[in-house]
Amino acid sequence: MDYKLLKIAVINSLLVLVYVTVVTTIMQVIENRANPEDNFFGPVAFLMLFVLSAAVVGSLIFVRPAMIYLSGGKKEGVQLLAYTIACLLVLTIIVLILIAVL
């Protein structure tokens, strides 16, 4: 097991969790203050946020493994992607457990 790759995977997964938490918090604040679906800009804002989120999370998950893979480290690139997905799975399970307990 390559601990350097695992460390990168954990950091990137935690950054995804932080990003999702921040976006969720912002969405809840907006939902409590206004109903964005009441006008044209609500769906536009939702789709823009969706695209931005895909770009941010996609970058955190796929860019570094792709760069490693394309620079000749095929095994390391695939390992990093697998580690990152595994870390995201663990974080998702932890969040689901927290939802069930709280």
PDB file of N, CA and C in Angstrom:
ATOM      1  N   MET A   1       0.842  -1.176   0.000  1.00  0.00           N
ATOM      2  CA  MET A   1       0.000   0.000   0.000  1.00  0.00           C
ATOM      3  C   MET A   1       0.892   1.245   0.000  1.00  0.00           C
ATOM      4  N   ASP A   2       0.586   2.149  -0.882  1.00  0.00           N
ATOM      5  CA  ASP A   2       1.340   3.396  -1.001  1.00  0.00           C
ATOM      6  C   ASP A   2       0.679   4.452  -0.114  1.00  0.00           C
ATOM      7  N   TYR A   3       1.311   4.749   1.019  1.00  0.00           N
ATOM      8  CA  TYR A   3       0.723   5.662   1.988  1.00  0.00           C
ATOM      9  C   TYR A   3       0.672   7.100   1.489  1.00  0.00           C
ATOM     10  N   LYS A   4       1.574   7.472   0.588  1.00  0.00           N
ATOM     11  CA  LYS A   4       1.528   8.817   0.012  1.00  0.00           C
ATOM     12  C   LYS A   4       0.253   8.990  -0.809  1.00  0.00           C
ATOM     13  N   LEU A   5      -0.076   7.993  -1.619  1.00  0.00           N
ATOM     14  CA  LEU A   5      -1.303   8.049  -2.410  1.00  0.00           C
ATOM     15  C   LEU A   5      -2.533   8.012  -1.511  1.00  0.00           C
ATOM     16  N   LEU A   6      -2.477   7.197  -0.463  1.00  0.00           N
ATOM     17  CA  LEU A   6      -3.602   7.114   0.470  1.00  0.00           C
ATOM     18  C   LEU A   6      -3.821   8.462   1.160  1.00  0.00           C
ATOM     19  N   LYS A   7      -2.741   9.139   1.527  1.00  0.00           N
ATOM     20  CA  LYS A   7      -2.850  10.455   2.159  1.00  0.00           C
ATOM     21  C   LYS A   7      -3.505  11.448   1.210  1.00  0.00           C
ATOM     22  N   ILE A   8      -3.099  11.437  -0.041  1.00  0.00           N
ATOM     23  CA  ILE A   8      -3.701  12.331  -1.040  1.00  0.00           C
ATOM     24  C   ILE A   8      -5.184  12.015  -1.187  1.00  0.00           C
ATOM     25  N   ALA A   9      -5.523  10.729  -1.230  1.00  0.00           N
ATOM     26  CA  ALA A   9      -6.916  10.313  -1.378  1.00  0.00           C
ATOM     27  C   ALA A   9      -7.763  10.772  -0.194  1.00  0.00           C
ATOM     28  N   VAL A  10      -7.235  10.626   1.006  1.00  0.00           N
ATOM     29  CA  VAL A  10      -7.969  11.048   2.203  1.00  0.00           C
ATOM     30  C   VAL A  10      -8.176  12.560   2.184  1.00  0.00           C
ATOM     31  N   ILE A  11      -7.139  13.305   1.852  1.00  0.00           N
ATOM     32  CA  ILE A  11      -7.253  14.772   1.809  1.00  0.00           C
ATOM     33  C   ILE A  11      -8.279  15.194   0.768  1.00  0.00           C
ATOM     34  N   ASN A  12      -8.214  14.627  -0.423  1.00  0.00           N
ATOM     35  CA  ASN A  12      -9.169  14.995  -1.469  1.00  0.00           C
ATOM     36  C   ASN A  12     -10.594  14.615  -1.084  1.00  0.00           C
ATOM     37  N   SER A  13     -10.758  13.465  -0.447  1.00  0.00           N
ATOM     38  CA  SER A  13     -12.090  13.038  -0.011  1.00  0.00           C
ATOM     39  C   SER A  13     -12.636  13.970   1.069  1.00  0.00           C
ATOM     40  N   LEU A  14     -11.776  14.365   1.986  1.00  0.00           N
ATOM     41  CA  LEU A  14     -12.214  15.304   3.020  1.00  0.00           C
ATOM     42  C   LEU A  14     -12.556  16.663   2.420  1.00  0.00           C
ATOM     43  N   LEU A  15     -11.807  17.086   1.398  1.00  0.00           N
ATOM     44  CA  LEU A  15     -12.132  18.342   0.717  1.00  0.00           C
ATOM     45  C   LEU A  15     -13.486  18.257   0.017  1.00  0.00           C
ATOM     46  N   VAL A  16     -13.803  17.100  -0.550  1.00  0.00           N
ATOM     47  CA  VAL A  16     -15.127  16.898  -1.154  1.00  0.00           C
ATOM     48  C   VAL A  16     -16.197  17.012  -0.075  1.00  0.00           C
ATOM     49  N   LEU A  17     -15.968  16.379   1.074  1.00  0.00           N
ATOM     50  CA  LEU A  17     -16.926  16.456   2.174  1.00  0.00           C
ATOM     51  C   LEU A  17     -17.117  17.904   2.640  1.00  0.00           C
ATOM     52  N   VAL A  18     -16.038  18.642   2.765  1.00  0.00           N
ATOM     53  CA  VAL A  18     -16.124  20.048   3.171  1.00  0.00           C
ATOM     54  C   VAL A  18     -16.902  20.847   2.123  1.00  0.00           C
ATOM     55  N   TYR A  19     -16.605  20.641   0.857  1.00  0.00           N
ATOM     56  CA  TYR A  19     -17.297  21.356  -0.211  1.00  0.00           C
ATOM     57  C   TYR A  19     -18.798  21.057  -0.175  1.00  0.00           C
ATOM     58  N   VAL A  20     -19.140  19.789  -0.056  1.00  0.00           N
ATOM     59  CA  VAL A  20     -20.557  19.404  -0.022  1.00  0.00           C
ATOM     60  C   VAL A  20     -21.247  20.011   1.197  1.00  0.00           C
ATOM     61  N   THR A  21     -20.574  20.026   2.329  1.00  0.00           N
ATOM     62  CA  THR A  21     -21.136  20.603   3.544  1.00  0.00           C
ATOM     63  C   THR A  21     -21.373  22.102   3.387  1.00  0.00           C
ATOM     64  N   VAL A  22     -20.413  22.799   2.806  1.00  0.00           N
ATOM     65  CA  VAL A  22     -20.564  24.239   2.588  1.00  0.00           C
ATOM     66  C   VAL A  22     -21.717  24.519   1.622  1.00  0.00           C
ATOM     67  N   VAL A  23     -21.788  23.796   0.527  1.00  0.00           N
ATOM     68  CA  VAL A  23     -22.860  24.008  -0.444  1.00  0.00           C
ATOM     69  C   VAL A  23     -24.220  23.695   0.180  1.00  0.00           C
ATOM     70  N   THR A  24     -24.300  22.623   0.956  1.00  0.00           N
ATOM     71  CA  THR A  24     -25.549  22.266   1.625  1.00  0.00           C
ATOM     72  C   THR A  24     -25.975  23.356   2.604  1.00  0.00           C
ATOM     73  N   THR A  25     -25.032  23.886   3.353  1.00  0.00           N
ATOM     74  CA  THR A  25     -25.334  24.952   4.300  1.00  0.00           C
ATOM     75  C   THR A  25     -25.852  26.187   3.574  1.00  0.00           C
ATOM     76  N   ILE A  26     -25.190  26.567   2.498  1.00  0.00           N
ATOM     77  CA  ILE A  26     -25.630  27.728   1.714  1.00  0.00           C
ATOM     78  C   ILE A  26     -27.027  27.493   1.155  1.00  0.00           C
ATOM     79  N   MET A  27     -27.286  26.303   0.647  1.00  0.00           N
ATOM     80  CA  MET A  27     -28.607  25.998   0.092  1.00  0.00           C
ATOM     81  C   MET A  27     -29.690  26.066   1.169  1.00  0.00           C
ATOM     82  N   GLN A  28     -29.389  25.594   2.373  1.00  0.00           N
ATOM     83  CA  GLN A  28     -30.375  25.652   3.453  1.00  0.00           C
ATOM     84  C   GLN A  28     -30.650  27.093   3.879  1.00  0.00           C
ATOM     85  N   VAL A  29     -29.607  27.913   3.924  1.00  0.00           N
ATOM     86  CA  VAL A  29     -29.799  29.326   4.274  1.00  0.00           C
ATOM     87  C   VAL A  29     -30.674  30.006   3.221  1.00  0.00           C
ATOM     88  N   ILE A  30     -30.382  29.747   1.966  1.00  0.00           N
ATOM     89  CA  ILE A  30     -31.178  30.351   0.893  1.00  0.00           C
ATOM     90  C   ILE A  30     -32.618  29.855   0.954  1.00  0.00           C
ATOM     91  N   GLU A  31     -32.798  28.571   1.205  1.00  0.00           N
ATOM     92  CA  GLU A  31     -34.146  28.005   1.275  1.00  0.00           C
ATOM     93  C   GLU A  31     -34.940  28.612   2.431  1.00  0.00           C
ATOM     94  N   ASN A  32     -34.279  28.882   3.547  1.00  0.00           N
ATOM     95  CA  ASN A  32     -34.963  29.461   4.701  1.00  0.00           C
ATOM     96  C   ASN A  32     -35.305  30.933   4.496  1.00  0.00           C
ATOM     97  N   ARG A  33     -34.567  31.623   3.641  1.00  0.00           N
ATOM     98  CA  ARG A  33     -34.792  33.056   3.447  1.00  0.00           C
ATOM     99  C   ARG A  33     -35.684  33.368   2.259  1.00  0.00           C
ATOM    100  N   ALA A  34     -35.680  32.528   1.266  1.00  0.00           N
ATOM    101  CA  ALA A  34     -36.475  32.801   0.070  1.00  0.00           C
ATOM    102  C   ALA A  34     -36.802  31.486  -0.616  1.00  0.00           C
ATOM    103  N   ASN A  35     -37.747  31.547  -1.503  1.00  0.00           N
ATOM    104  CA  ASN A  35     -38.103  30.382  -2.293  1.00  0.00           C
ATOM    105  C   ASN A  35     -37.585  30.608  -3.705  1.00  0.00           C
ATOM    106  N   PRO A  36     -36.374  30.097  -4.037  1.00  0.00           N
ATOM    107  CA  PRO A  36     -35.770  30.412  -5.329  1.00  0.00           C
ATOM    108  C   PRO A  36     -36.515  29.858  -6.540  1.00  0.00           C
ATOM    109  N   GLU A  37     -37.439  28.921  -6.317  1.00  0.00           N
ATOM    110  CA  GLU A  37     -38.178  28.378  -7.455  1.00  0.00           C
ATOM    111  C   GLU A  37     -39.296  29.310  -7.913  1.00  0.00           C
ATOM    112  N   ASP A  38     -39.531  30.395  -7.176  1.00  0.00           N
ATOM    113  CA  ASP A  38     -40.615  31.302  -7.519  1.00  0.00           C
ATOM    114  C   ASP A  38     -40.310  32.176  -8.730  1.00  0.00           C
ATOM    115  N   ASN A  39     -39.073  32.183  -9.184  1.00  0.00           N
ATOM    116  CA  ASN A  39     -38.759  33.016 -10.329  1.00  0.00           C
ATOM    117  C   ASN A  39     -37.836  32.256 -11.280  1.00  0.00           C
ATOM    118  N   PHE A  40     -37.495  32.908 -12.351  1.00  0.00           N
ATOM    119  CA  PHE A  40     -36.660  32.312 -13.395  1.00  0.00           C
ATOM    120  C   PHE A  40     -35.276  31.936 -12.890  1.00  0.00           C
ATOM    121  N   PHE A  41     -34.750  32.684 -11.966  1.00  0.00           N
ATOM    122  CA  PHE A  41     -33.363  32.507 -11.558  1.00  0.00           C
ATOM    123  C   PHE A  41     -33.140  31.329 -10.609  1.00  0.00           C
ATOM    124  N   GLY A  42     -34.184  30.826  -9.979  1.00  0.00           N
ATOM    125  CA  GLY A  42     -34.041  29.666  -9.103  1.00  0.00           C
ATOM    126  C   GLY A  42     -33.486  28.445  -9.830  1.00  0.00           C
ATOM    127  N   PRO A  43     -34.154  28.016 -10.902  1.00  0.00           N
ATOM    128  CA  PRO A  43     -33.628  26.871 -11.650  1.00  0.00           C
ATOM    129  C   PRO A  43     -32.267  27.151 -12.300  1.00  0.00           C
ATOM    130  N   VAL A  44     -32.058  28.390 -12.744  1.00  0.00           N
ATOM    131  CA  VAL A  44     -30.758  28.745 -13.327  1.00  0.00           C
ATOM    132  C   VAL A  44     -29.666  28.603 -12.269  1.00  0.00           C
ATOM    133  N   ALA A  45     -29.921  29.145 -11.072  1.00  0.00           N
ATOM    134  CA  ALA A  45     -28.947  29.050  -9.984  1.00  0.00           C
ATOM    135  C   ALA A  45     -28.690  27.590  -9.622  1.00  0.00           C
ATOM    136  N   PHE A  46     -29.735  26.777  -9.581  1.00  0.00           N
ATOM    137  CA  PHE A  46     -29.573  25.357  -9.257  1.00  0.00           C
ATOM    138  C   PHE A  46     -28.693  24.658 -10.289  1.00  0.00           C
ATOM    139  N   LEU A  47     -28.955  24.881 -11.561  1.00  0.00           N
ATOM    140  CA  LEU A  47     -28.158  24.230 -12.605  1.00  0.00           C
ATOM    141  C   LEU A  47     -26.720  24.735 -12.622  1.00  0.00           C
ATOM    142  N   MET A  48     -26.531  26.034 -12.385  1.00  0.00           N
ATOM    143  CA  MET A  48     -25.169  26.562 -12.314  1.00  0.00           C
ATOM    144  C   MET A  48     -24.410  25.942 -11.144  1.00  0.00           C
ATOM    145  N   LEU A  49     -25.073  25.807 -10.014  1.00  0.00           N
ATOM    146  CA  LEU A  49     -24.448  25.172  -8.852  1.00  0.00           C
ATOM    147  C   LEU A  49     -24.132  23.710  -9.139  1.00  0.00           C
ATOM    148  N   PHE A  50     -25.027  23.039  -9.847  1.00  0.00           N
ATOM    149  CA  PHE A  50     -24.801  21.642 -10.226  1.00  0.00           C
ATOM    150  C   PHE A  50     -23.556  21.515 -11.107  1.00  0.00           C
ATOM    151  N   VAL A  51     -23.435  22.383 -12.100  1.00  0.00           N
ATOM    152  CA  VAL A  51     -22.280  22.357 -12.995  1.00  0.00           C
ATOM    153  C   VAL A  51     -20.995  22.690 -12.237  1.00  0.00           C
ATOM    154  N   LEU A  52     -21.055  23.713 -11.389  1.00  0.00           N
ATOM    155  CA  LEU A  52     -19.894  24.075 -10.585  1.00  0.00           C
ATOM    156  C   LEU A  52     -19.480  22.921  -9.675  1.00  0.00           C
ATOM    157  N   SER A  53     -20.446  22.285  -9.051  1.00  0.00           N
ATOM    158  CA  SER A  53     -20.147  21.167  -8.164  1.00  0.00           C
ATOM    159  C   SER A  53     -19.527  20.003  -8.927  1.00  0.00           C
ATOM    160  N   ALA A  54     -20.038  19.715 -10.106  1.00  0.00           N
ATOM    161  CA  ALA A  54     -19.449  18.646 -10.921  1.00  0.00           C
ATOM    162  C   ALA A  54     -18.002  18.967 -11.260  1.00  0.00           C
ATOM    163  N   ALA A  55     -17.722  20.230 -11.567  1.00  0.00           N
ATOM    164  CA  ALA A  55     -16.355  20.629 -11.901  1.00  0.00           C
ATOM    165  C   ALA A  55     -15.429  20.537 -10.687  1.00  0.00           C
ATOM    166  N   VAL A  56     -15.886  21.042  -9.549  1.00  0.00           N
ATOM    167  CA  VAL A  56     -15.045  21.040  -8.346  1.00  0.00           C
ATOM    168  C   VAL A  56     -14.787  19.616  -7.870  1.00  0.00           C
ATOM    169  N   VAL A  57     -15.847  18.847  -7.706  1.00  0.00           N
ATOM    170  CA  VAL A  57     -15.690  17.482  -7.207  1.00  0.00           C
ATOM    171  C   VAL A  57     -14.961  16.615  -8.233  1.00  0.00           C
ATOM    172  N   GLY A  58     -15.267  16.798  -9.496  1.00  0.00           N
ATOM    173  CA  GLY A  58     -14.551  16.052 -10.533  1.00  0.00           C
ATOM    174  C   GLY A  58     -13.064  16.351 -10.521  1.00  0.00           C
ATOM    175  N   SER A  59     -12.732  17.607 -10.299  1.00  0.00           N
ATOM    176  CA  SER A  59     -11.315  17.977 -10.222  1.00  0.00           C
ATOM    177  C   SER A  59     -10.633  17.326  -9.025  1.00  0.00           C
ATOM    178  N   LEU A  60     -11.310  17.350  -7.878  1.00  0.00           N
ATOM    179  CA  LEU A  60     -10.717  16.762  -6.678  1.00  0.00           C
ATOM    180  C   LEU A  60     -10.535  15.247  -6.803  1.00  0.00           C
ATOM    181  N   ILE A  61     -11.431  14.600  -7.534  1.00  0.00           N
ATOM    182  CA  ILE A  61     -11.374  13.141  -7.625  1.00  0.00           C
ATOM    183  C   ILE A  61     -10.523  12.662  -8.796  1.00  0.00           C
ATOM    184  N   PHE A  62     -10.632  13.312  -9.957  1.00  0.00           N
ATOM    185  CA  PHE A  62     -10.068  12.736 -11.174  1.00  0.00           C
ATOM    186  C   PHE A  62      -8.798  13.389 -11.715  1.00  0.00           C
ATOM    187  N   VAL A  63      -8.546  14.660 -11.415  1.00  0.00           N
ATOM    188  CA  VAL A  63      -7.443  15.348 -12.087  1.00  0.00           C
ATOM    189  C   VAL A  63      -6.083  14.761 -11.725  1.00  0.00           C
ATOM    190  N   ARG A  64      -5.793  14.631 -10.444  1.00  0.00           N
ATOM    191  CA  ARG A  64      -4.472  14.127 -10.056  1.00  0.00           C
ATOM    192  C   ARG A  64      -4.257  12.683 -10.524  1.00  0.00           C
ATOM    193  N   PRO A  65      -5.240  11.769 -10.344  1.00  0.00           N
ATOM    194  CA  PRO A  65      -5.025  10.418 -10.883  1.00  0.00           C
ATOM    195  C   PRO A  65      -4.783  10.421 -12.398  1.00  0.00           C
ATOM    196  N   ALA A  66      -5.504  11.273 -13.115  1.00  0.00           N
ATOM    197  CA  ALA A  66      -5.315  11.340 -14.567  1.00  0.00           C
ATOM    198  C   ALA A  66      -3.935  11.864 -14.917  1.00  0.00           C
ATOM    199  N   MET A  67      -3.467  12.874 -14.174  1.00  0.00           N
ATOM    200  CA  MET A  67      -2.135  13.418 -14.441  1.00  0.00           C
ATOM    201  C   MET A  67      -1.057  12.370 -14.169  1.00  0.00           C
ATOM    202  N   ILE A  68      -1.205  11.638 -13.069  1.00  0.00           N
ATOM    203  CA  ILE A  68      -0.242  10.579 -12.751  1.00  0.00           C
ATOM    204  C   ILE A  68      -0.281   9.506 -13.827  1.00  0.00           C
ATOM    205  N   TYR A  69      -1.479   9.109 -14.216  1.00  0.00           N
ATOM    206  CA  TYR A  69      -1.650   8.065 -15.232  1.00  0.00           C
ATOM    207  C   TYR A  69      -1.012   8.479 -16.554  1.00  0.00           C
ATOM    208  N   LEU A  70      -1.283   9.711 -16.970  1.00  0.00           N
ATOM    209  CA  LEU A  70      -0.787  10.175 -18.267  1.00  0.00           C
ATOM    210  C   LEU A  70       0.718  10.452 -18.272  1.00  0.00           C
ATOM    211  N   SER A  71       1.289  10.650 -17.093  1.00  0.00           N
ATOM    212  CA  SER A  71       2.733  10.879 -17.036  1.00  0.00           C
ATOM    213  C   SER A  71       3.513   9.574 -16.891  1.00  0.00           C
ATOM    214  N   GLY A  72       2.835   8.456 -17.055  1.00  0.00           N
ATOM    215  CA  GLY A  72       3.519   7.166 -17.048  1.00  0.00           C
ATOM    216  C   GLY A  72       3.300   6.323 -15.813  1.00  0.00           C
ATOM    217  N   GLY A  73       2.681   6.874 -14.792  1.00  0.00           N
ATOM    218  CA  GLY A  73       2.431   6.112 -13.575  1.00  0.00           C
ATOM    219  C   GLY A  73       1.048   5.492 -13.609  1.00  0.00           C
ATOM    220  N   LYS A  74       0.843   4.587 -14.548  1.00  0.00           N
ATOM    221  CA  LYS A  74      -0.485   3.998 -14.740  1.00  0.00           C
ATOM    222  C   LYS A  74      -0.996   3.320 -13.470  1.00  0.00           C
ATOM    223  N   LYS A  75      -0.148   2.502 -12.855  1.00  0.00           N
ATOM    224  CA  LYS A  75      -0.555   1.786 -11.652  1.00  0.00           C
ATOM    225  C   LYS A  75      -0.886   2.766 -10.529  1.00  0.00           C
ATOM    226  N   GLU A  76      -0.043   3.774 -10.322  1.00  0.00           N
ATOM    227  CA  GLU A  76      -0.259   4.740  -9.250  1.00  0.00           C
ATOM    228  C   GLU A  76      -1.517   5.580  -9.501  1.00  0.00           C
ATOM    229  N   GLY A  77      -1.754   5.953 -10.745  1.00  0.00           N
ATOM    230  CA  GLY A  77      -2.951   6.728 -11.078  1.00  0.00           C
ATOM    231  C   GLY A  77      -4.224   5.964 -10.774  1.00  0.00           C
ATOM    232  N   VAL A  78      -4.240   4.699 -11.154  1.00  0.00           N
ATOM    233  CA  VAL A  78      -5.414   3.862 -10.883  1.00  0.00           C
ATOM    234  C   VAL A  78      -5.562   3.632  -9.374  1.00  0.00           C
ATOM    235  N   GLN A  79      -4.429   3.419  -8.692  1.00  0.00           N
ATOM    236  CA  GLN A  79      -4.485   3.234  -7.236  1.00  0.00           C
ATOM    237  C   GLN A  79      -5.050   4.465  -6.541  1.00  0.00           C
ATOM    238  N   LEU A  80      -4.595   5.639  -6.940  1.00  0.00           N
ATOM    239  CA  LEU A  80      -5.080   6.870  -6.315  1.00  0.00           C
ATOM    240  C   LEU A  80      -6.578   7.026  -6.531  1.00  0.00           C
ATOM    241  N   LEU A  81      -7.046   6.756  -7.730  1.00  0.00           N
ATOM    242  CA  LEU A  81      -8.480   6.844  -8.000  1.00  0.00           C
ATOM    243  C   LEU A  81      -9.247   5.843  -7.136  1.00  0.00           C
ATOM    244  N   ALA A  82      -8.747   4.621  -7.028  1.00  0.00           N
ATOM    245  CA  ALA A  82      -9.404   3.601  -6.209  1.00  0.00           C
ATOM    246  C   ALA A  82      -9.405   3.994  -4.734  1.00  0.00           C
ATOM    247  N   TYR A  83      -8.288   4.497  -4.234  1.00  0.00           N
ATOM    248  CA  TYR A  83      -8.216   4.941  -2.841  1.00  0.00           C
ATOM    249  C   TYR A  83      -9.201   6.079  -2.577  1.00  0.00           C
ATOM    250  N   THR A  84      -9.278   7.019  -3.517  1.00  0.00           N
ATOM    251  CA  THR A  84     -10.173   8.159  -3.339  1.00  0.00           C
ATOM    252  C   THR A  84     -11.624   7.703  -3.303  1.00  0.00           C
ATOM    253  N   ILE A  85     -11.995   6.818  -4.200  1.00  0.00           N
ATOM    254  CA  ILE A  85     -13.369   6.308  -4.214  1.00  0.00           C
ATOM    255  C   ILE A  85     -13.658   5.531  -2.930  1.00  0.00           C
ATOM    256  N   ALA A  86     -12.694   4.751  -2.463  1.00  0.00           N
ATOM    257  CA  ALA A  86     -12.876   4.010  -1.209  1.00  0.00           C
ATOM    258  C   ALA A  86     -13.045   4.970  -0.030  1.00  0.00           C
ATOM    259  N   CYS A  87     -12.252   6.029   0.002  1.00  0.00           N
ATOM    260  CA  CYS A  87     -12.378   7.021   1.076  1.00  0.00           C
ATOM    261  C   CYS A  87     -13.736   7.716   1.022  1.00  0.00           C
ATOM    262  N   LEU A  88     -14.197   8.039  -0.169  1.00  0.00           N
ATOM    263  CA  LEU A  88     -15.517   8.654  -0.312  1.00  0.00           C
ATOM    264  C   LEU A  88     -16.612   7.702   0.159  1.00  0.00           C
ATOM    265  N   LEU A  89     -16.448   6.414  -0.114  1.00  0.00           N
ATOM    266  CA  LEU A  89     -17.405   5.420   0.348  1.00  0.00           C
ATOM    267  C   LEU A  89     -17.455   5.387   1.878  1.00  0.00           C
ATOM    268  N   VAL A  90     -16.287   5.383   2.494  1.00  0.00           N
ATOM    269  CA  VAL A  90     -16.222   5.371   3.962  1.00  0.00           C
ATOM    270  C   VAL A  90     -16.870   6.632   4.534  1.00  0.00           C
ATOM    271  N   LEU A  91     -16.567   7.793   3.967  1.00  0.00           N
ATOM    272  CA  LEU A  91     -17.168   9.035   4.446  1.00  0.00           C
ATOM    273  C   LEU A  91     -18.683   9.032   4.262  1.00  0.00           C
ATOM    274  N   THR A  92     -19.151   8.489   3.154  1.00  0.00           N
ATOM    275  CA  THR A  92     -20.590   8.401   2.908  1.00  0.00           C
ATOM    276  C   THR A  92     -21.262   7.502   3.932  1.00  0.00           C
ATOM    277  N   ILE A  93     -20.639   6.382   4.237  1.00  0.00           N
ATOM    278  CA  ILE A  93     -21.189   5.474   5.251  1.00  0.00           C
ATOM    279  C   ILE A  93     -21.224   6.162   6.613  1.00  0.00           C
ATOM    280  N   ILE A  94     -20.186   6.906   6.948  1.00  0.00           N
ATOM    281  CA  ILE A  94     -20.162   7.630   8.223  1.00  0.00           C
ATOM    282  C   ILE A  94     -21.290   8.649   8.275  1.00  0.00           C
ATOM    283  N   VAL A  95     -21.508   9.384   7.192  1.00  0.00           N
ATOM    284  CA  VAL A  95     -22.593  10.376   7.151  1.00  0.00           C
ATOM    285  C   VAL A  95     -23.944   9.683   7.299  1.00  0.00           C
ATOM    286  N   LEU A  96     -24.134   8.560   6.619  1.00  0.00           N
ATOM    287  CA  LEU A  96     -25.406   7.832   6.720  1.00  0.00           C
ATOM    288  C   LEU A  96     -25.631   7.308   8.142  1.00  0.00           C
ATOM    289  N   ILE A  97     -24.584   6.852   8.791  1.00  0.00           N
ATOM    290  CA  ILE A  97     -24.692   6.410  10.184  1.00  0.00           C
ATOM    291  C   ILE A  97     -25.076   7.584  11.084  1.00  0.00           C
ATOM    292  N   LEU A  98     -24.444   8.733  10.859  1.00  0.00           N
ATOM    293  CA  LEU A  98     -24.780   9.934  11.642  1.00  0.00           C
ATOM    294  C   LEU A  98     -26.244  10.327  11.450  1.00  0.00           C
ATOM    295  N   ILE A  99     -26.739  10.215  10.229  1.00  0.00           N
ATOM    296  CA  ILE A  99     -28.152  10.530   9.965  1.00  0.00           C
ATOM    297  C   ILE A  99     -29.043   9.565  10.730  1.00  0.00           C
ATOM    298  N   ALA A 100     -28.694   8.287  10.721  1.00  0.00           N
ATOM    299  CA  ALA A 100     -29.518   7.285  11.406  1.00  0.00           C
ATOM    300  C   ALA A 100     -29.493   7.471  12.927  1.00  0.00           C
ATOM    301  N   VAL A 101     -28.335   7.861  13.452  1.00  0.00           N
ATOM    302  CA  VAL A 101     -28.198   8.011  14.904  1.00  0.00           C
ATOM    303  C   VAL A 101     -28.806   9.311  15.397  1.00  0.00           C
ATOM    304  N   LEU A 102     -28.578  10.369  14.653  1.00  0.00           N
ATOM    305  CA  LEU A 102     -29.082  11.678  15.077  1.00  0.00           C
ATOM    306  C   LEU A 102     -30.469  11.855  14.551  1.00  0.00           C
TER     307      LEU A 102
END
